[in-house]
Amino acid sequence: RTIYLPGREGFIHESENPTLFMFMFLVLVFLSGLSFYQGYTGLY
């Protein structure tokens, strides 16, 4: 329940700021999926 990316006040914890945590989580999921898709299809 912690995203280990540096922020203004340290790492992003769900208990301290649930909205920011969920937003960053969704951004990470989107970027990971897009990067995997581009890399895999390009290599294929």
All heavy atoms as atom14 arrays in JSON, in Angstrom:
{
  "sequence": "RTIYLPGREGFIHESENPTLFMFMFLVLVFLSGLSFYQGYTGLY",
  "atom14_mask": [
    [1, 1, 1, 1, 1, 1, 1, 1, 1, 1, 1, 0, 0, 0],
    [1, 1, 1, 1, 1, 1, 1, 0, 0, 0, 0, 0, 0, 0],
    [1, 1, 1, 1, 1, 1, 1, 1, 0, 0, 0, 0, 0, 0],
    [1, 1, 1, 1, 1, 1, 1, 1, 1, 1, 1, 1, 0, 0],
    [1, 1, 1, 1, 1, 1, 1, 1, 0, 0, 0, 0, 0, 0],
    [1, 1, 1, 1, 1, 1, 1, 0, 0, 0, 0, 0, 0, 0],
    [1, 1, 1, 1, 0, 0, 0, 0, 0, 0, 0, 0, 0, 0],
    [1, 1, 1, 1, 1, 1, 1, 1, 1, 1, 1, 0, 0, 0],
    [1, 1, 1, 1, 1, 1, 1, 1, 1, 0, 0, 0, 0, 0],
    [1, 1, 1, 1, 0, 0, 0, 0, 0, 0, 0, 0, 0, 0],
    [1, 1, 1, 1, 1, 1, 1, 1, 1, 1, 1, 0, 0, 0],
    [1, 1, 1, 1, 1, 1, 1, 1, 0, 0, 0, 0, 0, 0],
    [1, 1, 1, 1, 1, 1, 1, 1, 1, 1, 0, 0, 0, 0],
    [1, 1, 1, 1, 1, 1, 1, 1, 1, 0, 0, 0, 0, 0],
    [1, 1, 1, 1, 1, 1, 0, 0, 0, 0, 0, 0, 0, 0],
    [1, 1, 1, 1, 1, 1, 1, 1, 1, 0, 0, 0, 0, 0],
    [1, 1, 1, 1, 1, 1, 1, 1, 0, 0, 0, 0, 0, 0],
    [1, 1, 1, 1, 1, 1, 1, 0, 0, 0, 0, 0, 0, 0],
    [1, 1, 1, 1, 1, 1, 1, 0, 0, 0, 0, 0, 0, 0],
    [1, 1, 1, 1, 1, 1, 1, 1, 0, 0, 0, 0, 0, 0],
    [1, 1, 1, 1, 1, 1, 1, 1, 1, 1, 1, 0, 0, 0],
    [1, 1, 1, 1, 1, 1, 1, 1, 0, 0, 0, 0, 0, 0],
    [1, 1, 1, 1, 1, 1, 1, 1, 1, 1, 1, 0, 0, 0],
    [1, 1, 1, 1, 1, 1, 1, 1, 0, 0, 0, 0, 0, 0],
    [1, 1, 1, 1, 1, 1, 1, 1, 1, 1, 1, 0, 0, 0],
    [1, 1, 1, 1, 1, 1, 1, 1, 0, 0, 0, 0, 0, 0],
    [1, 1, 1, 1, 1, 1, 1, 0, 0, 0, 0, 0, 0, 0],
    [1, 1, 1, 1, 1, 1, 1, 1, 0, 0, 0, 0, 0, 0],
    [1, 1, 1, 1, 1, 1, 1, 0, 0, 0, 0, 0, 0, 0],
    [1, 1, 1, 1, 1, 1, 1, 1, 1, 1, 1, 0, 0, 0],
    [1, 1, 1, 1, 1, 1, 1, 1, 0, 0, 0, 0, 0, 0],
    [1, 1, 1, 1, 1, 1, 0, 0, 0, 0, 0, 0, 0, 0],
    [1, 1, 1, 1, 0, 0, 0, 0, 0, 0, 0, 0, 0, 0],
    [1, 1, 1, 1, 1, 1, 1, 1, 0, 0, 0, 0, 0, 0],
    [1, 1, 1, 1, 1, 1, 0, 0, 0, 0, 0, 0, 0, 0],
    [1, 1, 1, 1, 1, 1, 1, 1, 1, 1, 1, 0, 0, 0],
    [1, 1, 1, 1, 1, 1, 1, 1, 1, 1, 1, 1, 0, 0],
    [1, 1, 1, 1, 1, 1, 1, 1, 1, 0, 0, 0, 0, 0],
    [1, 1, 1, 1, 0, 0, 0, 0, 0, 0, 0, 0, 0, 0],
    [1, 1, 1, 1, 1, 1, 1, 1, 1, 1, 1, 1, 0, 0],
    [1, 1, 1, 1, 1, 1, 1, 0, 0, 0, 0, 0, 0, 0],
    [1, 1, 1, 1, 0, 0, 0, 0, 0, 0, 0, 0, 0, 0],
    [1, 1, 1, 1, 1, 1, 1, 1, 0, 0, 0, 0, 0, 0],
    [1, 1, 1, 1, 1, 1, 1, 1, 1, 1, 1, 1, 0, 0]
  ],
  "atom14_positions": [
    [[0.83, -1.21, 0.0], [0.0, 0.0, 0.0], [0.86, 1.26, 0.0], [0.52, 2.27, 0.58], [-0.95, 0.03, 1.19], [-1.91, -1.13, 1.25], [-2.91, -1.01, 0.15], [-3.95, -2.03, 0.31], [-4.52, -2.6, -0.71], [-4.18, -2.29, -1.92], [-5.45, -3.5, -0.53], [0.0, 0.0, 0.0], [0.0, 0.0, 0.0], [0.0, 0.0, 0.0]],
    [[2.02, 1.16, -0.68], [2.95, 2.27, -0.82], [3.54, 2.24, -2.21], [3.94, 1.19, -2.7], [4.09, 2.17, 0.2], [3.54, 2.14, 1.51], [5.05, 3.34, 0.09], [0.0, 0.0, 0.0], [0.0, 0.0, 0.0], [0.0, 0.0, 0.0], [0.0, 0.0, 0.0], [0.0, 0.0, 0.0], [0.0, 0.0, 0.0], [0.0, 0.0, 0.0]],
    [[3.57, 3.4, -2.86], [4.23, 3.52, -4.15], [5.6, 4.14, -3.9], [5.7, 5.26, -3.42], [3.41, 4.37, -5.14], [2.07, 3.68, -5.42], [4.18, 4.6, -6.43], [1.15, 4.47, -6.32], [0.0, 0.0, 0.0], [0.0, 0.0, 0.0], [0.0, 0.0, 0.0], [0.0, 0.0, 0.0], [0.0, 0.0, 0.0], [0.0, 0.0, 0.0]],
    [[6.62, 3.4, -4.21], [7.98, 3.83, -3.9], [8.54, 4.72, -5.01], [9.53, 4.41, -5.66], [8.88, 2.63, -3.64], [8.51, 1.94, -2.36], [7.8, 0.74, -2.36], [8.86, 2.49, -1.14], [7.45, 0.12, -1.18], [8.51, 1.87, 0.05], [7.81, 0.69, 0.01], [7.47, 0.08, 1.19], [0.0, 0.0, 0.0], [0.0, 0.0, 0.0]],
    [[7.89, 5.84, -5.22], [8.36, 6.91, -6.08], [8.48, 8.16, -5.21], [7.6, 8.42, -4.39], [7.39, 7.17, -7.22], [7.24, 6.07, -8.26], [6.16, 6.43, -9.25], [8.55, 5.86, -8.99], [0.0, 0.0, 0.0], [0.0, 0.0, 0.0], [0.0, 0.0, 0.0], [0.0, 0.0, 0.0], [0.0, 0.0, 0.0], [0.0, 0.0, 0.0]],
    [[9.54, 8.92, -5.35], [9.71, 10.08, -4.48], [8.65, 11.15, -4.75], [8.34, 11.45, -5.89], [11.1, 10.59, -4.8], [11.46, 9.99, -6.11], [10.66, 8.75, -6.26], [0.0, 0.0, 0.0], [0.0, 0.0, 0.0], [0.0, 0.0, 0.0], [0.0, 0.0, 0.0], [0.0, 0.0, 0.0], [0.0, 0.0, 0.0], [0.0, 0.0, 0.0]],
    [[8.1, 11.67, -3.69], [7.14, 12.76, -3.76], [7.6, 13.91, -2.89], [8.71, 13.89, -2.34], [0.0, 0.0, 0.0], [0.0, 0.0, 0.0], [0.0, 0.0, 0.0], [0.0, 0.0, 0.0], [0.0, 0.0, 0.0], [0.0, 0.0, 0.0], [0.0, 0.0, 0.0], [0.0, 0.0, 0.0], [0.0, 0.0, 0.0], [0.0, 0.0, 0.0]],
    [[6.79, 14.91, -2.71], [7.16, 16.05, -1.87], [7.36, 15.65, -0.42], [8.23, 16.19, 0.26], [6.07, 17.12, -1.94], [5.98, 17.8, -3.26], [4.95, 18.89, -3.22], [4.73, 19.41, -4.56], [3.67, 20.01, -4.95], [2.66, 20.18, -4.1], [3.55, 20.47, -6.16], [0.0, 0.0, 0.0], [0.0, 0.0, 0.0], [0.0, 0.0, 0.0]],
    [[6.57, 14.73, 0.04], [6.63, 14.34, 1.45], [7.09, 12.89, 1.6], [6.66, 12.18, 2.5], [5.26, 14.53, 2.09], [4.78, 15.97, 2.01], [3.3, 16.1, 2.21], [2.62, 15.08, 2.4], [2.81, 17.23, 2.16], [0.0, 0.0, 0.0], [0.0, 0.0, 0.0], [0.0, 0.0, 0.0], [0.0, 0.0, 0.0], [0.0, 0.0, 0.0]],
    [[7.95, 12.43, 0.71], [8.43, 11.05, 0.77], [7.64, 10.17, -0.18], [7.08, 10.63, -1.17], [0.0, 0.0, 0.0], [0.0, 0.0, 0.0], [0.0, 0.0, 0.0], [0.0, 0.0, 0.0], [0.0, 0.0, 0.0], [0.0, 0.0, 0.0], [0.0, 0.0, 0.0], [0.0, 0.0, 0.0], [0.0, 0.0, 0.0], [0.0, 0.0, 0.0]],
    [[7.6, 8.9, 0.14], [6.87, 7.95, -0.7], [5.37, 8.17, -0.56], [4.89, 8.76, 0.39], [7.24, 6.52, -0.32], [8.69, 6.19, -0.52], [9.43, 5.61, 0.48], [9.32, 6.48, -1.72], [10.76, 5.31, 0.29], [10.64, 6.18, -1.92], [11.37, 5.6, -0.9], [0.0, 0.0, 0.0], [0.0, 0.0, 0.0], [0.0, 0.0, 0.0]],
    [[4.62, 7.65, -1.53], [3.18, 7.86, -1.57], [2.49, 6.68, -0.87], [2.53, 5.55, -1.35], [2.7, 7.98, -3.04], [3.44, 9.14, -3.71], [1.21, 8.17, -3.11], [3.32, 9.16, -5.21], [0.0, 0.0, 0.0], [0.0, 0.0, 0.0], [0.0, 0.0, 0.0], [0.0, 0.0, 0.0], [0.0, 0.0, 0.0], [0.0, 0.0, 0.0]],
    [[1.87, 6.97, 0.28], [1.19, 5.94, 1.07], [-0.32, 6.07, 0.87], [-0.86, 7.17, 0.82], [1.51, 6.11, 2.56], [2.97, 6.01, 2.86], [3.62, 4.81, 2.95], [3.9, 6.97, 3.08], [4.89, 5.02, 3.22], [5.1, 6.33, 3.3], [0.0, 0.0, 0.0], [0.0, 0.0, 0.0], [0.0, 0.0, 0.0], [0.0, 0.0, 0.0]],
    [[-0.99, 4.95, 0.81], [-2.45, 4.96, 0.64], [-3.14, 5.57, 1.85], [-4.13, 6.28, 1.72], [-2.97, 3.56, 0.38], [-4.46, 3.53, 0.12], [-4.98, 2.13, -0.07], [-4.4, 1.19, 0.48], [-6.0, 1.99, -0.76], [0.0, 0.0, 0.0], [0.0, 0.0, 0.0], [0.0, 0.0, 0.0], [0.0, 0.0, 0.0], [0.0, 0.0, 0.0]],
    [[-2.63, 5.31, 3.04], [-3.29, 5.79, 4.25], [-3.19, 7.31, 4.39], [-4.08, 7.93, 4.95], [-2.68, 5.12, 5.48], [-1.3, 5.41, 5.56], [0.0, 0.0, 0.0], [0.0, 0.0, 0.0], [0.0, 0.0, 0.0], [0.0, 0.0, 0.0], [0.0, 0.0, 0.0], [0.0, 0.0, 0.0], [0.0, 0.0, 0.0], [0.0, 0.0, 0.0]],
    [[-2.14, 7.92, 3.87], [-1.97, 9.37, 3.99], [-2.76, 10.14, 2.94], [-3.32, 11.19, 3.23], [-0.49, 9.74, 3.88], [0.34, 9.24, 5.05], [1.81, 9.52, 4.84], [2.18, 10.17, 3.85], [2.6, 9.05, 5.68], [0.0, 0.0, 0.0], [0.0, 0.0, 0.0], [0.0, 0.0, 0.0], [0.0, 0.0, 0.0], [0.0, 0.0, 0.0]],
    [[-2.76, 9.66, 1.71], [-3.45, 10.36, 0.63], [-4.02, 9.33, -0.35], [-3.39, 9.01, -1.36], [-2.46, 11.3, -0.07], [-3.16, 12.33, -0.92], [-4.33, 12.18, -1.26], [-2.45, 13.38, -1.27], [0.0, 0.0, 0.0], [0.0, 0.0, 0.0], [0.0, 0.0, 0.0], [0.0, 0.0, 0.0], [0.0, 0.0, 0.0], [0.0, 0.0, 0.0]],
    [[-5.22, 8.82, -0.07], [-5.77, 7.75, -0.92], [-6.05, 8.17, -2.36], [-5.92, 7.37, -3.28], [-7.06, 7.33, -0.21], [-7.3, 8.32, 0.84], [-6.07, 9.12, 1.05], [0.0, 0.0, 0.0], [0.0, 0.0, 0.0], [0.0, 0.0, 0.0], [0.0, 0.0, 0.0], [0.0, 0.0, 0.0], [0.0, 0.0, 0.0], [0.0, 0.0, 0.0]],
    [[-6.42, 9.44, -2.56], [-6.71, 9.9, -3.92], [-5.45, 9.93, -4.77], [-5.45, 9.44, -5.9], [-7.34, 11.31, -3.88], [-8.47, 11.28, -3.01], [-7.77, 11.76, -5.25], [0.0, 0.0, 0.0], [0.0, 0.0, 0.0], [0.0, 0.0, 0.0], [0.0, 0.0, 0.0], [0.0, 0.0, 0.0], [0.0, 0.0, 0.0], [0.0, 0.0, 0.0]],
    [[-4.38, 10.48, -4.23], [-3.11, 10.52, -4.96], [-2.58, 9.11, -5.18], [-2.05, 8.81, -6.26], [-2.07, 11.36, -4.2], [-0.68, 11.46, -4.83], [-0.77, 12.13, -6.19], [0.26, 12.2, -3.91], [0.0, 0.0, 0.0], [0.0, 0.0, 0.0], [0.0, 0.0, 0.0], [0.0, 0.0, 0.0], [0.0, 0.0, 0.0], [0.0, 0.0, 0.0]],
    [[-2.71, 8.25, -4.19], [-2.24, 6.88, -4.33], [-2.98, 6.19, -5.47], [-2.35, 5.56, -6.33], [-2.45, 6.1, -3.02], [-2.07, 4.66, -3.13], [-0.76, 4.27, -2.96], [-3.02, 3.69, -3.39], [-0.39, 2.94, -3.06], [-2.67, 2.36, -3.5], [-1.34, 1.99, -3.33], [0.0, 0.0, 0.0], [0.0, 0.0, 0.0], [0.0, 0.0, 0.0]],
    [[-4.29, 6.3, -5.51], [-5.07, 5.64, -6.55], [-4.76, 6.23, -7.93], [-4.63, 5.49, -8.92], [-6.57, 5.74, -6.26], [-7.41, 4.88, -7.17], [-6.89, 3.16, -7.27], [-7.39, 2.55, -5.7], [0.0, 0.0, 0.0], [0.0, 0.0, 0.0], [0.0, 0.0, 0.0], [0.0, 0.0, 0.0], [0.0, 0.0, 0.0], [0.0, 0.0, 0.0]],
    [[-4.59, 7.55, -8.0], [-4.26, 8.19, -9.27], [-2.9, 7.69, -9.78], [-2.76, 7.3, -10.94], [-4.23, 9.71, -9.12], [-3.8, 10.42, -10.36], [-4.64, 10.53, -11.45], [-2.53, 10.98, -10.43], [-4.22, 11.18, -12.6], [-2.11, 11.62, -11.58], [-2.95, 11.73, -12.66], [0.0, 0.0, 0.0], [0.0, 0.0, 0.0], [0.0, 0.0, 0.0]],
    [[-1.9, 7.69, -8.91], [-0.57, 7.24, -9.31], [-0.57, 5.74, -9.65], [0.13, 5.31, -10.56], [0.46, 7.53, -8.21], [0.79, 9.0, -8.06], [1.43, 9.74, -9.58], [2.96, 8.87, -9.75], [0.0, 0.0, 0.0], [0.0, 0.0, 0.0], [0.0, 0.0, 0.0], [0.0, 0.0, 0.0], [0.0, 0.0, 0.0], [0.0, 0.0, 0.0]],
    [[-1.35, 4.98, -8.92], [-1.46, 3.55, -9.2], [-2.02, 3.32, -10.61], [-1.5, 2.52, -11.38], [-2.34, 2.88, -8.15], [-2.46, 1.4, -8.32], [-1.44, 0.56, -7.89], [-3.57, 0.84, -8.91], [-1.52, -0.81, -8.05], [-3.67, -0.52, -9.08], [-2.64, -1.35, -8.65], [0.0, 0.0, 0.0], [0.0, 0.0, 0.0], [0.0, 0.0, 0.0]],
    [[-3.08, 4.04, -10.94], [-3.69, 3.9, -12.26], [-2.74, 4.38, -13.36], [-2.69, 3.78, -14.45], [-5.01, 4.64, -12.32], [-6.12, 4.04, -11.46], [-7.36, 4.93, -11.49], [-6.45, 2.64, -11.91], [0.0, 0.0, 0.0], [0.0, 0.0, 0.0], [0.0, 0.0, 0.0], [0.0, 0.0, 0.0], [0.0, 0.0, 0.0], [0.0, 0.0, 0.0]],
    [[-1.99, 5.44, -13.11], [-1.01, 5.92, -14.08], [0.06, 4.85, -14.31], [0.46, 4.59, -15.45], [-0.39, 7.26, -13.62], [0.84, 7.6, -14.43], [-1.41, 8.38, -13.72], [0.0, 0.0, 0.0], [0.0, 0.0, 0.0], [0.0, 0.0, 0.0], [0.0, 0.0, 0.0], [0.0, 0.0, 0.0], [0.0, 0.0, 0.0], [0.0, 0.0, 0.0]],
    [[0.53, 4.23, -13.23], [1.54, 3.18, -13.36], [0.99, 1.99, -14.16], [1.7, 1.42, -14.99], [2.01, 2.7, -11.99], [2.96, 3.63, -11.24], [3.23, 3.07, -9.85], [4.24, 3.83, -12.0], [0.0, 0.0, 0.0], [0.0, 0.0, 0.0], [0.0, 0.0, 0.0], [0.0, 0.0, 0.0], [0.0, 0.0, 0.0], [0.0, 0.0, 0.0]],
    [[-0.24, 1.61, -13.89], [-0.86, 0.49, -14.63], [-0.96, 0.84, -16.12], [-0.61, 0.03, -16.99], [-2.25, 0.14, -14.05], [-3.0, -0.82, -14.96], [-2.11, -0.44, -12.65], [0.0, 0.0, 0.0], [0.0, 0.0, 0.0], [0.0, 0.0, 0.0], [0.0, 0.0, 0.0], [0.0, 0.0, 0.0], [0.0, 0.0, 0.0], [0.0, 0.0, 0.0]],
    [[-1.41, 2.05, -16.41], [-1.55, 2.48, -17.8], [-0.19, 2.52, -18.51], [-0.04, 1.99, -19.61], [-2.22, 3.86, -17.86], [-2.3, 4.42, -19.24], [-3.21, 3.91, -20.15], [-1.46, 5.45, -19.64], [-3.28, 4.43, -21.44], [-1.52, 5.96, -20.91], [-2.43, 5.45, -21.83], [0.0, 0.0, 0.0], [0.0, 0.0, 0.0], [0.0, 0.0, 0.0]],
    [[0.82, 3.13, -17.87], [2.14, 3.23, -18.48], [2.79, 1.86, -18.66], [3.44, 1.6, -19.68], [3.05, 4.13, -17.65], [2.74, 5.62, -17.7], [3.67, 6.38, -16.78], [2.84, 6.15, -19.11], [0.0, 0.0, 0.0], [0.0, 0.0, 0.0], [0.0, 0.0, 0.0], [0.0, 0.0, 0.0], [0.0, 0.0, 0.0], [0.0, 0.0, 0.0]],
    [[2.61, 0.99, -17.69], [3.18, -0.35, -17.8], [2.53, -1.11, -18.95], [3.22, -1.74, -19.76], [2.99, -1.11, -16.5], [3.46, -2.42, -16.62], [0.0, 0.0, 0.0], [0.0, 0.0, 0.0], [0.0, 0.0, 0.0], [0.0, 0.0, 0.0], [0.0, 0.0, 0.0], [0.0, 0.0, 0.0], [0.0, 0.0, 0.0], [0.0, 0.0, 0.0]],
    [[1.22, -1.05, -19.04], [0.51, -1.75, -20.12], [0.86, -1.2, -21.49], [1.11, -1.96, -22.43], [0.0, 0.0, 0.0], [0.0, 0.0, 0.0], [0.0, 0.0, 0.0], [0.0, 0.0, 0.0], [0.0, 0.0, 0.0], [0.0, 0.0, 0.0], [0.0, 0.0, 0.0], [0.0, 0.0, 0.0], [0.0, 0.0, 0.0], [0.0, 0.0, 0.0]],
    [[0.92, 0.13, -21.6], [1.24, 0.74, -22.89], [2.67, 0.42, -23.3], [2.94, 0.1, -24.45], [1.04, 2.26, -22.8], [1.29, 3.05, -24.07], [0.27, 2.65, -25.13], [1.21, 4.53, -23.79], [0.0, 0.0, 0.0], [0.0, 0.0, 0.0], [0.0, 0.0, 0.0], [0.0, 0.0, 0.0], [0.0, 0.0, 0.0], [0.0, 0.0, 0.0]],
    [[3.59, 0.5, -22.36], [4.99, 0.21, -22.66], [5.17, -1.25, -23.06], [5.91, -1.56, -24.0], [5.85, 0.55, -21.45], [7.2, 0.34, -21.72], [0.0, 0.0, 0.0], [0.0, 0.0, 0.0], [0.0, 0.0, 0.0], [0.0, 0.0, 0.0], [0.0, 0.0, 0.0], [0.0, 0.0, 0.0], [0.0, 0.0, 0.0], [0.0, 0.0, 0.0]],
    [[4.5, -2.15, -22.36], [4.58, -3.56, -22.72], [4.01, -3.8, -24.11], [4.6, -4.51, -24.92], [3.86, -4.43, -21.69], [3.96, -5.89, -21.99], [5.1, -6.59, -21.66], [2.93, -6.56, -22.63], [5.23, -7.94, -21.95], [3.04, -7.9, -22.92], [4.19, -8.6, -22.58], [0.0, 0.0, 0.0], [0.0, 0.0, 0.0], [0.0, 0.0, 0.0]],
    [[2.87, -3.2, -24.4], [2.23, -3.37, -25.7], [3.14, -2.88, -26.82], [3.35, -3.57, -27.82], [0.89, -2.64, -25.73], [0.24, -2.63, -27.09], [-0.38, -3.77, -27.58], [0.27, -1.5, -27.89], [-0.97, -3.77, -28.84], [-0.3, -1.5, -29.15], [-0.92, -2.63, -29.62], [-1.49, -2.63, -30.86], [0.0, 0.0, 0.0], [0.0, 0.0, 0.0]],
    [[3.69, -1.66, -26.65], [4.55, -1.11, -27.7], [5.82, -1.93, -27.87], [6.25, -2.2, -28.99], [4.91, 0.34, -27.37], [3.78, 1.29, -27.53], [4.17, 2.7, -27.15], [5.16, 2.92, -26.47], [3.38, 3.66, -27.6], [0.0, 0.0, 0.0], [0.0, 0.0, 0.0], [0.0, 0.0, 0.0], [0.0, 0.0, 0.0], [0.0, 0.0, 0.0]],
    [[6.44, -2.33, -26.78], [7.66, -3.11, -26.86], [7.44, -4.48, -27.47], [8.17, -4.92, -28.35], [0.0, 0.0, 0.0], [0.0, 0.0, 0.0], [0.0, 0.0, 0.0], [0.0, 0.0, 0.0], [0.0, 0.0, 0.0], [0.0, 0.0, 0.0], [0.0, 0.0, 0.0], [0.0, 0.0, 0.0], [0.0, 0.0, 0.0], [0.0, 0.0, 0.0]],
    [[6.41, -5.17, -27.0], [6.14, -6.53, -27.48], [5.72, -6.53, -28.94], [6.24, -7.3, -29.74], [5.09, -7.21, -26.61], [4.77, -8.61, -27.07], [5.66, -9.65, -26.81], [3.62, -8.89, -27.79], [5.4, -10.93, -27.24], [3.34, -10.17, -28.22], [4.24, -11.19, -27.95], [3.98, -12.45, -28.39], [0.0, 0.0, 0.0], [0.0, 0.0, 0.0]],
    [[4.77, -5.69, -29.3], [4.31, -5.68, -30.69], [5.41, -5.21, -31.62], [5.52, -5.7, -32.75], [3.05, -4.82, -30.86], [3.31, -3.5, -30.41], [1.87, -5.41, -30.14], [0.0, 0.0, 0.0], [0.0, 0.0, 0.0], [0.0, 0.0, 0.0], [0.0, 0.0, 0.0], [0.0, 0.0, 0.0], [0.0, 0.0, 0.0], [0.0, 0.0, 0.0]],
    [[6.22, -4.25, -31.18], [7.32, -3.79, -32.02], [8.34, -4.88, -32.26], [8.8, -5.08, -33.39], [0.0, 0.0, 0.0], [0.0, 0.0, 0.0], [0.0, 0.0, 0.0], [0.0, 0.0, 0.0], [0.0, 0.0, 0.0], [0.0, 0.0, 0.0], [0.0, 0.0, 0.0], [0.0, 0.0, 0.0], [0.0, 0.0, 0.0], [0.0, 0.0, 0.0]],
    [[8.72, -5.58, -31.21], [9.68, -6.67, -31.38], [9.09, -7.81, -32.2], [9.78, -8.45, -32.99], [10.14, -7.19, -30.01], [11.12, -6.29, -29.27], [11.38, -6.85, -27.87], [12.42, -6.16, -30.03], [0.0, 0.0, 0.0], [0.0, 0.0, 0.0], [0.0, 0.0, 0.0], [0.0, 0.0, 0.0], [0.0, 0.0, 0.0], [0.0, 0.0, 0.0]],
    [[7.8, -8.06, -32.01], [7.15, -9.13, -32.76], [7.15, -8.81, -34.26], [7.46, -9.67, -35.08], [5.72, -9.33, -32.26], [4.98, -10.44, -32.96], [5.3, -11.77, -32.72], [3.97, -10.15, -33.86], [4.63, -12.79, -33.36], [3.29, -11.17, -34.51], [3.62, -12.48, -34.26], [2.96, -13.5, -34.91], [0.0, 0.0, 0.0], [0.0, 0.0, 0.0]]
  ]
}
